[in-house]
């Protein structure tokens, strides 16, 4: 059984940086595709970034709203996925969730280029979330 635990959420000022971490356990096959999603009150959940790591290296995907500001990385030895967020904006605030799935179609250009962005509906495993607040 895969379990995910997020950490690192905090209250920051606009323009500052923050790093979120997702510690994963369980079958690695079941968490081949790892992703971050976020949700604000009364808004739909939206995809932030995803990563797939193989023996050839890692491939990352980002939503348009965070490209150039956020970086996702995976430490396979530590079973951890990190989301480094820079130049944070008030619209980046929300509950950030780590998600995992065995299906690599969720770590693909087709999925992350979905008009309006991916919603993560089909991801199998979710963490409890960590809160990010950004003040202007």
Protein backbone atom coordinates (compact mmCIF):
# COMPACT_ATOMS: atom_id res chain seq x y z
CA UNK A 1 0.00 0.00 0.00
CA UNK A 2 1.34 3.41 -0.96
CA UNK A 3 1.30 6.17 1.60
CA UNK A 4 2.19 9.82 1.04
CA UNK A 5 2.97 12.51 3.59
CA UNK A 6 3.43 16.15 2.68
CA UNK A 7 5.38 18.69 4.69
CA UNK A 8 6.77 22.18 4.35
CA UNK A 9 3.65 24.28 4.04
CA UNK A 10 3.90 27.73 5.59
CA UNK A 11 2.81 31.35 5.39
CA UNK A 12 5.10 33.48 3.25
CA UNK A 13 5.16 36.86 1.58
CA UNK A 14 4.76 37.31 -2.15
CA UNK A 15 8.08 36.96 -3.90
CA UNK A 16 9.48 34.55 -1.34
CA UNK A 17 10.35 30.90 -1.81
CA UNK A 18 9.15 27.73 -0.17
CA UNK A 19 9.97 24.04 -0.50
CA UNK A 20 7.39 21.30 -0.09
CA UNK A 21 8.29 17.67 0.43
CA UNK A 22 6.35 14.49 -0.11
CA UNK A 23 7.64 11.40 1.63
CA UNK A 24 6.43 8.21 0.02
CA UNK A 25 6.32 4.62 1.12
CA UNK A 26 5.04 1.43 -0.39
CA UNK A 27 5.30 -0.26 -3.73
CA UNK A 28 7.42 1.90 -6.04
CA UNK A 29 5.65 0.57 -9.11
CA UNK A 30 2.39 1.97 -7.74
CA UNK A 31 3.95 5.44 -7.49
CA UNK A 32 5.78 5.60 -10.79
CA UNK A 33 4.18 8.95 -11.56
CA UNK A 34 4.38 11.45 -8.71
CA UNK A 35 2.63 14.80 -8.81
CA UNK A 36 1.64 17.88 -6.88
CA UNK A 37 -1.83 19.38 -7.04
CA UNK A 38 -3.29 22.33 -5.20
CA UNK A 39 -6.73 23.53 -4.27
CA UNK A 40 -8.10 26.80 -3.01
CA UNK A 41 -11.44 27.10 -1.20
CA UNK A 42 -14.37 27.01 -3.63
CA UNK A 43 -12.09 26.27 -6.56
CA UNK A 44 -11.32 23.14 -8.52
CA UNK A 45 -8.18 21.22 -7.77
CA UNK A 46 -5.46 21.99 -10.27
CA UNK A 47 -2.28 20.29 -11.29
CA UNK A 48 1.01 21.93 -10.40
CA UNK A 49 3.77 19.56 -11.46
CA UNK A 50 4.57 15.91 -12.01
CA UNK A 51 7.65 13.78 -12.36
CA UNK A 52 8.53 10.36 -13.63
CA UNK A 53 11.93 8.89 -12.88
CA UNK A 54 13.50 5.96 -14.70
CA UNK A 55 17.01 4.60 -15.09
CA UNK A 56 17.39 7.13 -17.92
CA UNK A 57 16.63 10.08 -15.71
CA UNK A 58 13.66 12.19 -14.72
CA UNK A 59 11.04 13.89 -16.84
CA UNK A 60 9.02 16.70 -15.29
CA UNK A 61 5.82 18.45 -16.28
CA UNK A 62 4.44 21.77 -15.08
CA UNK A 63 1.26 23.72 -15.37
CA UNK A 64 1.62 26.95 -17.30
CA UNK A 65 1.00 29.02 -14.18
CA UNK A 66 4.13 27.74 -12.42
CA UNK A 67 6.56 27.15 -15.29
CA UNK A 68 9.83 28.92 -14.64
CA UNK A 69 9.05 29.41 -10.95
CA UNK A 70 8.56 25.90 -9.57
CA UNK A 71 10.85 22.90 -9.79
CA UNK A 72 9.89 19.32 -9.01
CA UNK A 73 12.51 16.71 -8.23
CA UNK A 74 12.58 13.17 -6.97
CA UNK A 75 15.08 11.48 -4.70
CA UNK A 76 14.47 7.82 -5.30
CA UNK A 77 16.81 6.71 -2.53
CA UNK A 78 15.01 8.85 0.03
CA UNK A 79 11.57 8.11 -1.39
CA UNK A 80 10.91 11.82 -1.55
CA UNK A 81 9.50 14.23 -4.07
CA UNK A 82 10.33 17.88 -3.58
CA UNK A 83 8.57 20.93 -4.97
CA UNK A 84 10.72 24.05 -4.87
CA UNK A 85 8.60 27.13 -5.29
CA UNK A 86 10.11 30.54 -6.00
CA UNK A 87 8.70 34.00 -6.59
CA UNK A 88 5.46 32.96 -4.94
CA UNK A 89 2.30 34.85 -5.79
CA UNK A 90 -0.94 35.18 -3.80
CA UNK A 91 -2.63 32.98 -6.41
CA UNK A 92 -0.20 30.17 -5.50
CA UNK A 93 -1.82 29.87 -2.08
CA UNK A 94 -3.83 26.79 -1.28
CA UNK A 95 -3.70 23.28 0.05
CA UNK A 96 -0.99 21.37 -1.75
CA UNK A 97 -1.43 17.64 -2.21
CA UNK A 98 1.03 15.00 -3.26
CA UNK A 99 -0.38 12.28 -5.50
CA UNK A 100 0.91 9.03 -6.94
CA UNK A 101 -0.17 6.59 -9.61
CA UNK A 102 1.32 3.64 -11.43
CA UNK A 103 -0.02 4.76 -14.79
CA UNK A 104 2.52 6.75 -16.72
CA UNK A 105 -0.11 8.39 -18.88
CA UNK A 106 -0.49 10.78 -15.94
CA UNK A 107 3.15 11.75 -16.43
CA UNK A 108 2.86 12.60 -20.10
CA UNK A 109 2.57 15.70 -22.29
CA UNK A 110 -0.98 14.76 -23.27
CA UNK A 111 -2.11 14.80 -19.66
CA UNK A 112 -0.31 17.96 -18.62
CA UNK A 113 -1.30 19.83 -21.76
CA UNK A 114 -4.98 19.27 -21.01
CA UNK A 115 -6.87 22.54 -21.67
CA UNK A 116 -7.42 24.14 -18.30
CA UNK A 117 -4.82 21.88 -16.74
CA UNK A 118 -5.11 18.40 -15.20
CA UNK A 119 -7.35 17.87 -12.18
CA UNK A 120 -5.85 14.64 -10.90
CA UNK A 121 -9.20 12.88 -10.75
CA UNK A 122 -7.78 9.48 -11.57
CA UNK A 123 -4.68 9.50 -9.39
CA UNK A 124 -4.81 6.50 -7.09
CA UNK A 125 -3.11 7.72 -3.93
CA UNK A 126 -3.20 11.07 -2.17
CA UNK A 127 -1.56 12.63 0.83
CA UNK A 128 -3.38 14.71 3.42
CA UNK A 129 -2.07 18.00 2.10
CA UNK A 130 -0.01 20.87 3.40
CA UNK A 131 -1.20 24.48 3.52
CA UNK A 132 0.57 27.29 1.70
CA UNK A 133 -0.42 30.89 2.37
CA UNK A 134 1.00 33.76 0.33
CA UNK A 135 0.43 37.31 1.48
CA UNK A 136 0.71 40.25 -0.86
